[in-house]
Amino acid sequence: MIRLLDLLEEERRKLNQLGEASLKQLIPLSDNPEVQEQSRRVDELVALYDDMKARRNRIAR
């Protein structure tokens, strides 16, 4: 789970960098396919983390 959190944090950093670069170039985030793809990756990792956390909590009960 710690590895997943590290990966999530790394992907979030990438998303932030892409977002900042896009805004500096005056490209709306919604019009930038790289930002959208990276955002989907982050969303998938967040969902995976939430699922793992929920399973872990069910086992602990």
N, C-alpha and C. Protein backbone atom coordinates (compact mmCIF):
# COMPACT_ATOMS: atom_id res chain seq x y z
N MET A 1 0.83 -1.19 0.00
CA MET A 1 0.00 0.00 0.00
C MET A 1 0.88 1.26 0.00
N ILE A 2 2.02 1.18 0.68
CA ILE A 2 2.93 2.33 0.71
C ILE A 2 3.46 2.60 -0.70
N ARG A 3 3.74 1.53 -1.44
CA ARG A 3 4.23 1.69 -2.81
C ARG A 3 3.17 2.39 -3.67
N LEU A 4 1.92 2.03 -3.47
CA LEU A 4 0.82 2.66 -4.21
C LEU A 4 0.74 4.15 -3.87
N LEU A 5 0.89 4.49 -2.61
CA LEU A 5 0.87 5.90 -2.21
C LEU A 5 2.02 6.67 -2.83
N ASP A 6 3.19 6.04 -2.89
CA ASP A 6 4.35 6.69 -3.54
C ASP A 6 4.08 6.93 -5.02
N LEU A 7 3.51 5.92 -5.68
CA LEU A 7 3.19 6.05 -7.10
C LEU A 7 2.13 7.13 -7.31
N LEU A 8 1.13 7.15 -6.45
CA LEU A 8 0.08 8.17 -6.54
C LEU A 8 0.67 9.57 -6.40
N GLU A 9 1.55 9.74 -5.43
CA GLU A 9 2.16 11.05 -5.22
C GLU A 9 3.01 11.46 -6.42
N GLU A 10 3.73 10.52 -7.00
CA GLU A 10 4.54 10.82 -8.19
C GLU A 10 3.66 11.23 -9.37
N GLU A 11 2.56 10.52 -9.57
CA GLU A 11 1.64 10.84 -10.67
C GLU A 11 0.95 12.19 -10.43
N ARG A 12 0.66 12.51 -9.19
CA ARG A 12 0.07 13.82 -8.88
C ARG A 12 1.06 14.94 -9.19
N ARG A 13 2.33 14.70 -8.87
CA ARG A 13 3.35 15.71 -9.20
C ARG A 13 3.42 15.95 -10.70
N LYS A 14 3.39 14.85 -11.46
CA LYS A 14 3.40 14.98 -12.92
C LYS A 14 2.20 15.78 -13.40
N LEU A 15 1.03 15.48 -12.83
CA LEU A 15 -0.18 16.21 -13.21
C LEU A 15 -0.04 17.69 -12.90
N ASN A 16 0.48 18.02 -11.74
CA ASN A 16 0.68 19.42 -11.38
C ASN A 16 1.64 20.11 -12.35
N GLN A 17 2.72 19.44 -12.71
CA GLN A 17 3.69 20.02 -13.64
C GLN A 17 3.05 20.27 -15.01
N LEU A 18 2.31 19.27 -15.49
CA LEU A 18 1.63 19.44 -16.78
C LEU A 18 0.61 20.57 -16.72
N GLY A 19 -0.12 20.63 -15.62
CA GLY A 19 -1.11 21.69 -15.46
C GLY A 19 -0.48 23.07 -15.44
N GLU A 20 0.60 23.22 -14.69
CA GLU A 20 1.29 24.51 -14.63
C GLU A 20 1.82 24.91 -16.00
N ALA A 21 2.42 23.96 -16.71
CA ALA A 21 2.96 24.25 -18.05
C ALA A 21 1.83 24.66 -19.00
N SER A 22 0.71 23.97 -18.90
CA SER A 22 -0.43 24.28 -19.76
C SER A 22 -0.95 25.69 -19.49
N LEU A 23 -1.07 26.04 -18.22
CA LEU A 23 -1.56 27.37 -17.87
C LEU A 23 -0.59 28.47 -18.28
N LYS A 24 0.71 28.19 -18.17
CA LYS A 24 1.71 29.18 -18.60
C LYS A 24 1.61 29.44 -20.10
N GLN A 25 1.20 28.41 -20.85
CA GLN A 25 1.05 28.55 -22.30
C GLN A 25 -0.36 29.02 -22.66
N LEU A 26 -1.15 29.36 -21.64
CA LEU A 26 -2.52 29.83 -21.81
C LEU A 26 -3.43 28.81 -22.49
N ILE A 27 -3.13 27.53 -22.27
CA ILE A 27 -3.95 26.45 -22.80
C ILE A 27 -4.87 25.99 -21.66
N PRO A 28 -6.18 26.06 -21.84
CA PRO A 28 -7.09 25.58 -20.79
C PRO A 28 -6.82 24.10 -20.48
N LEU A 29 -6.89 23.76 -19.22
CA LEU A 29 -6.62 22.39 -18.81
C LEU A 29 -7.53 21.39 -19.52
N SER A 30 -8.76 21.78 -19.74
CA SER A 30 -9.72 20.88 -20.39
C SER A 30 -9.41 20.67 -21.87
N ASP A 31 -8.60 21.54 -22.46
CA ASP A 31 -8.23 21.42 -23.88
C ASP A 31 -6.89 20.73 -24.08
N ASN A 32 -6.24 20.36 -22.98
CA ASN A 32 -4.92 19.74 -23.08
C ASN A 32 -5.05 18.24 -22.87
N PRO A 33 -4.86 17.45 -23.95
CA PRO A 33 -5.03 16.00 -23.83
C PRO A 33 -4.03 15.34 -22.88
N GLU A 34 -2.82 15.88 -22.77
CA GLU A 34 -1.84 15.32 -21.84
C GLU A 34 -2.30 15.47 -20.40
N VAL A 35 -2.83 16.63 -20.08
CA VAL A 35 -3.34 16.88 -18.73
C VAL A 35 -4.52 15.97 -18.45
N GLN A 36 -5.40 15.81 -19.41
CA GLN A 36 -6.58 14.96 -19.23
C GLN A 36 -6.18 13.50 -19.01
N GLU A 37 -5.21 13.02 -19.78
CA GLU A 37 -4.75 11.63 -19.63
C GLU A 37 -4.09 11.42 -18.27
N GLN A 38 -3.26 12.36 -17.86
CA GLN A 38 -2.60 12.24 -16.56
C GLN A 38 -3.64 12.31 -15.43
N SER A 39 -4.64 13.13 -15.60
CA SER A 39 -5.70 13.23 -14.61
C SER A 39 -6.45 11.90 -14.48
N ARG A 40 -6.67 11.23 -15.61
CA ARG A 40 -7.32 9.91 -15.56
C ARG A 40 -6.44 8.90 -14.82
N ARG A 41 -5.13 8.96 -15.04
CA ARG A 41 -4.22 8.05 -14.33
C ARG A 41 -4.31 8.27 -12.83
N VAL A 42 -4.29 9.54 -12.43
CA VAL A 42 -4.39 9.86 -11.00
C VAL A 42 -5.72 9.38 -10.45
N ASP A 43 -6.81 9.61 -11.17
CA ASP A 43 -8.13 9.16 -10.73
C ASP A 43 -8.16 7.64 -10.54
N GLU A 44 -7.55 6.90 -11.47
CA GLU A 44 -7.53 5.44 -11.36
C GLU A 44 -6.75 5.00 -10.12
N LEU A 45 -5.63 5.66 -9.85
CA LEU A 45 -4.84 5.30 -8.67
C LEU A 45 -5.58 5.65 -7.38
N VAL A 46 -6.28 6.77 -7.37
CA VAL A 46 -7.07 7.14 -6.18
C VAL A 46 -8.17 6.11 -5.95
N ALA A 47 -8.83 5.68 -7.01
CA ALA A 47 -9.88 4.67 -6.88
C ALA A 47 -9.30 3.35 -6.37
N LEU A 48 -8.15 2.96 -6.88
CA LEU A 48 -7.50 1.74 -6.44
C LEU A 48 -7.13 1.84 -4.96
N TYR A 49 -6.59 2.97 -4.56
CA TYR A 49 -6.23 3.18 -3.16
C TYR A 49 -7.48 3.11 -2.27
N ASP A 50 -8.55 3.75 -2.69
CA ASP A 50 -9.79 3.72 -1.91
C ASP A 50 -10.32 2.30 -1.77
N ASP A 51 -10.26 1.52 -2.85
CA ASP A 51 -10.71 0.12 -2.80
C ASP A 51 -9.85 -0.69 -1.83
N MET A 52 -8.54 -0.52 -1.90
CA MET A 52 -7.64 -1.25 -1.01
C MET A 52 -7.90 -0.86 0.45
N LYS A 53 -8.11 0.40 0.67
CA LYS A 53 -8.37 0.89 2.02
C LYS A 53 -9.69 0.33 2.56
N ALA A 54 -10.72 0.29 1.73
CA ALA A 54 -12.01 -0.24 2.14
C ALA A 54 -11.90 -1.73 2.46
N ARG A 55 -11.18 -2.48 1.61
CA ARG A 55 -11.00 -3.91 1.88
C ARG A 55 -10.24 -4.13 3.18
N ARG A 56 -9.24 -3.31 3.40
CA ARG A 56 -8.43 -3.43 4.62
C ARG A 56 -9.30 -3.15 5.86
N ASN A 57 -10.18 -2.16 5.78
CA ASN A 57 -11.05 -1.83 6.89
C ASN A 57 -12.06 -2.94 7.17
N ARG A 58 -12.55 -3.59 6.11
CA ARG A 58 -13.51 -4.69 6.29
C ARG A 58 -12.84 -5.88 6.99
N ILE A 59 -11.59 -6.13 6.63
CA ILE A 59 -10.86 -7.25 7.24
C ILE A 59 -10.57 -6.96 8.71
N ALA A 60 -10.28 -5.72 9.02
CA ALA A 60 -9.93 -5.33 10.38
C ALA A 60 -11.11 -5.42 11.33
N ARG A 61 -12.30 -5.38 10.83
CA ARG A 61 -13.50 -5.42 11.70
C ARG A 61 -13.72 -6.76 12.22
